[in-house]
Amino acid sequence: MTVSAPYGELLAQVTRDAPGDHLFHPQEAERSYPNFVNDFCRQLVADPAAAKLSVNRCRVSYICDRLGAGTDLLMLLAASGIKEVESLLRYSVHVEGAPHSKAALRRLLAAPRP
């Protein structure tokens, strides 16, 4: 696999400094383990002051980003696995320009689509 600049040199350096045979996880992946992805994210090397990466954090970021981008709510509900539009309120209150009430979310969902 070819890695383009400037990441090729960075990858070479990280590979030289990596302890053991596995670059991103301390041991071989056990993919049958139901929390493998969260475990993998938690153990990634990162700035110690940074928030730890998790599947939940990624999901919340995705939902908030899509709300901010004006994604059709029906599509967002389907993509996120959320059943009721009112459940988006916990995310939309953090997004400027997004509906900030259950009634507003229901109106937006019911609005005619182009």
Protein backbone atom coordinates (compact mmCIF):
# COMPACT_ATOMS: atom_id res chain seq x y z
CA MET A 1 0.00 0.00 0.00
CA THR A 2 1.29 3.47 -0.87
CA VAL A 3 1.10 6.24 1.72
CA SER A 4 1.26 9.79 0.37
CA ALA A 5 3.38 12.62 1.79
CA PRO A 6 3.51 13.90 4.46
CA TYR A 7 1.97 10.81 6.09
CA GLY A 8 4.52 8.33 4.76
CA GLU A 9 7.31 9.71 6.93
CA LEU A 10 5.03 9.99 9.95
CA LEU A 11 3.90 6.38 9.51
CA ALA A 12 7.52 5.24 9.18
CA GLN A 13 8.44 7.07 12.39
CA VAL A 14 5.44 5.69 14.31
CA THR A 15 6.25 2.19 13.07
CA ARG A 16 9.85 2.49 14.28
CA ASP A 17 8.70 3.64 17.72
CA ALA A 18 5.85 1.12 18.08
CA PRO A 19 6.35 -1.49 20.80
CA GLY A 20 5.66 -4.98 19.46
CA ASP A 21 4.14 -6.16 16.24
CA HIS A 22 0.85 -4.26 16.27
CA LEU A 23 0.76 -0.58 15.37
CA PHE A 24 -2.70 0.53 16.50
CA HIS A 25 -3.64 -1.97 19.19
CA PRO A 26 -1.37 -3.69 21.73
CA GLN A 27 -2.37 -7.19 20.64
CA GLU A 28 -4.04 -9.01 17.77
CA ALA A 29 -7.66 -8.02 17.23
CA GLU A 30 -10.30 -10.27 18.76
CA ARG A 31 -13.18 -9.27 16.49
CA SER A 32 -15.74 -11.51 18.18
CA TYR A 33 -15.43 -9.37 21.32
CA PRO A 34 -18.54 -7.10 21.24
CA ASN A 35 -16.73 -4.00 22.54
CA PHE A 36 -13.65 -4.33 20.36
CA VAL A 37 -14.19 -1.01 18.55
CA ASN A 38 -14.55 0.95 21.80
CA ASP A 39 -11.55 -0.86 23.27
CA PHE A 40 -9.55 -0.11 20.12
CA CYS A 41 -10.50 3.59 20.20
CA ARG A 42 -9.70 3.92 23.91
CA GLN A 43 -6.18 2.58 23.38
CA LEU A 44 -5.24 4.75 20.39
CA VAL A 45 -2.28 7.01 21.03
CA ALA A 46 -3.48 10.57 21.45
CA ASP A 47 -2.81 13.78 23.30
CA PRO A 48 -3.29 12.88 26.98
CA ALA A 49 -5.28 16.09 27.46
CA ALA A 50 -7.66 15.23 24.61
CA ALA A 51 -11.00 13.55 25.15
CA LYS A 52 -10.83 9.81 24.58
CA LEU A 53 -12.29 8.60 21.31
CA SER A 54 -15.33 6.34 21.58
CA VAL A 55 -18.04 5.06 19.29
CA ASN A 56 -20.61 7.08 21.25
CA ARG A 57 -18.56 10.28 20.87
CA CYS A 58 -18.30 9.64 17.12
CA ARG A 59 -22.06 9.00 16.86
CA VAL A 60 -22.91 12.21 18.73
CA SER A 61 -20.50 14.21 16.53
CA TYR A 62 -22.05 12.71 13.39
CA ILE A 63 -25.61 13.48 14.48
CA CYS A 64 -24.77 17.06 15.53
CA ASP A 65 -22.85 17.64 12.29
CA ARG A 66 -25.76 16.39 10.19
CA LEU A 67 -28.25 18.52 12.15
CA GLY A 68 -26.05 21.54 11.57
CA ALA A 69 -25.81 20.76 7.86
CA GLY A 70 -29.60 20.64 7.55
CA THR A 71 -29.78 16.94 6.64
CA ASP A 72 -33.33 15.72 6.07
CA LEU A 73 -34.56 14.48 9.46
CA LEU A 74 -36.11 11.31 8.04
CA MET A 75 -32.74 10.39 6.51
CA LEU A 76 -30.91 11.28 9.74
CA LEU A 77 -33.27 9.15 11.81
CA ALA A 78 -32.73 6.18 9.50
CA ALA A 79 -28.94 6.61 9.41
CA SER A 80 -28.61 7.01 13.17
CA GLY A 81 -31.09 4.31 14.16
CA ILE A 82 -33.17 6.78 16.16
CA LYS A 83 -36.87 5.89 16.07
CA GLU A 84 -38.57 9.11 17.21
CA VAL A 85 -37.75 12.59 15.97
CA GLU A 86 -38.17 13.98 19.48
CA SER A 87 -35.09 11.98 20.54
CA LEU A 88 -32.97 14.32 18.40
CA LEU A 89 -33.64 17.12 20.90
CA ARG A 90 -30.77 15.97 23.13
CA TYR A 91 -28.41 16.66 20.19
CA SER A 92 -30.10 19.65 18.54
CA VAL A 93 -29.83 21.85 21.64
CA HIS A 94 -26.06 21.88 21.01
CA VAL A 95 -26.36 22.87 17.34
CA GLU A 96 -26.82 26.49 16.32
CA GLY A 97 -29.70 26.88 13.91
CA ALA A 98 -31.22 23.47 14.68
CA PRO A 99 -34.71 23.14 16.17
CA HIS A 100 -34.59 23.48 19.95
CA SER A 101 -37.95 22.00 20.90
CA LYS A 102 -39.79 18.74 20.30
CA ALA A 103 -42.56 20.64 18.51
CA ALA A 104 -40.06 22.30 16.16
CA LEU A 105 -38.49 18.94 15.36
CA ARG A 106 -41.93 17.44 14.60
CA ARG A 107 -42.79 20.43 12.34
CA LEU A 108 -39.53 20.10 10.45
CA LEU A 109 -40.06 16.37 9.96
CA ALA A 110 -43.60 16.96 8.69
CA ALA A 111 -42.59 19.79 6.33
CA PRO A 112 -42.89 19.02 2.60
CA ARG A 113 -39.63 17.91 1.02
CA PRO A 114 -38.43 19.37 -2.30
